Amino acid sequence: MANTKSAKKAIRVIAKKTAVNKD
């Protein structure tokens, strides 16, 4: 289930980028 871990990490990174863009 290493794939799920990577997916969660990617989602977190994308969410962070979106938050920065919103600011």
N, C-alpha and C. Protein backbone atom coordinates (compact mmCIF):
# COMPACT_ATOMS: atom_id res chain seq x y z
N MET A 1 0.85 -1.21 0.00
CA MET A 1 0.00 0.00 0.00
C MET A 1 0.88 1.26 0.00
N ALA A 2 2.08 1.13 -0.52
CA ALA A 2 2.97 2.30 -0.57
C ALA A 2 2.41 3.35 -1.51
N ASN A 3 1.64 2.88 -2.50
CA ASN A 3 1.05 3.81 -3.48
C ASN A 3 0.12 4.81 -2.78
N THR A 4 -0.66 4.31 -1.82
CA THR A 4 -1.60 5.19 -1.12
C THR A 4 -0.84 6.28 -0.37
N LYS A 5 0.30 5.89 0.22
CA LYS A 5 1.09 6.86 0.98
C LYS A 5 1.57 7.97 0.05
N SER A 6 2.04 7.58 -1.12
CA SER A 6 2.56 8.56 -2.08
C SER A 6 1.42 9.47 -2.55
N ALA A 7 0.27 8.88 -2.78
CA ALA A 7 -0.88 9.67 -3.25
C ALA A 7 -1.27 10.70 -2.19
N LYS A 8 -1.29 10.28 -0.94
CA LYS A 8 -1.66 11.21 0.14
C LYS A 8 -0.65 12.35 0.21
N LYS A 9 0.63 12.01 0.04
CA LYS A 9 1.67 13.04 0.10
C LYS A 9 1.48 14.04 -1.04
N ALA A 10 1.17 13.52 -2.23
CA ALA A 10 0.98 14.39 -3.40
C ALA A 10 -0.21 15.31 -3.16
N ILE A 11 -1.29 14.76 -2.62
CA ILE A 11 -2.49 15.57 -2.36
C ILE A 11 -2.15 16.69 -1.38
N ARG A 12 -1.36 16.35 -0.37
CA ARG A 12 -1.00 17.35 0.64
C ARG A 12 -0.18 18.46 0.00
N VAL A 13 0.76 18.07 -0.86
CA VAL A 13 1.62 19.06 -1.53
C VAL A 13 0.78 19.97 -2.42
N ILE A 14 -0.14 19.36 -3.16
CA ILE A 14 -1.01 20.15 -4.05
C ILE A 14 -1.88 21.09 -3.23
N ALA A 15 -2.41 20.60 -2.13
CA ALA A 15 -3.26 21.44 -1.28
C ALA A 15 -2.46 22.62 -0.74
N LYS A 16 -1.20 22.37 -0.39
CA LYS A 16 -0.35 23.45 0.13
C LYS A 16 -0.14 24.49 -0.96
N LYS A 17 0.13 24.03 -2.17
CA LYS A 17 0.36 24.97 -3.29
C LYS A 17 -0.90 25.79 -3.54
N THR A 18 -2.06 25.15 -3.47
CA THR A 18 -3.31 25.87 -3.70
C THR A 18 -3.51 26.93 -2.62
N ALA A 19 -3.20 26.58 -1.39
CA ALA A 19 -3.38 27.53 -0.28
C ALA A 19 -2.46 28.73 -0.49
N VAL A 20 -1.24 28.48 -0.92
CA VAL A 20 -0.29 29.57 -1.15
C VAL A 20 -0.80 30.46 -2.27
N ASN A 21 -1.33 29.85 -3.32
CA ASN A 21 -1.84 30.62 -4.46
C ASN A 21 -3.03 31.48 -4.02
N LYS A 22 -3.86 30.94 -3.15
CA LYS A 22 -5.03 31.69 -2.67
C LYS A 22 -4.57 32.93 -1.92
N ASP A 23 -3.55 32.78 -1.12
CA ASP A 23 -3.01 33.92 -0.36
C ASP A 23 -2.48 34.94 -1.36
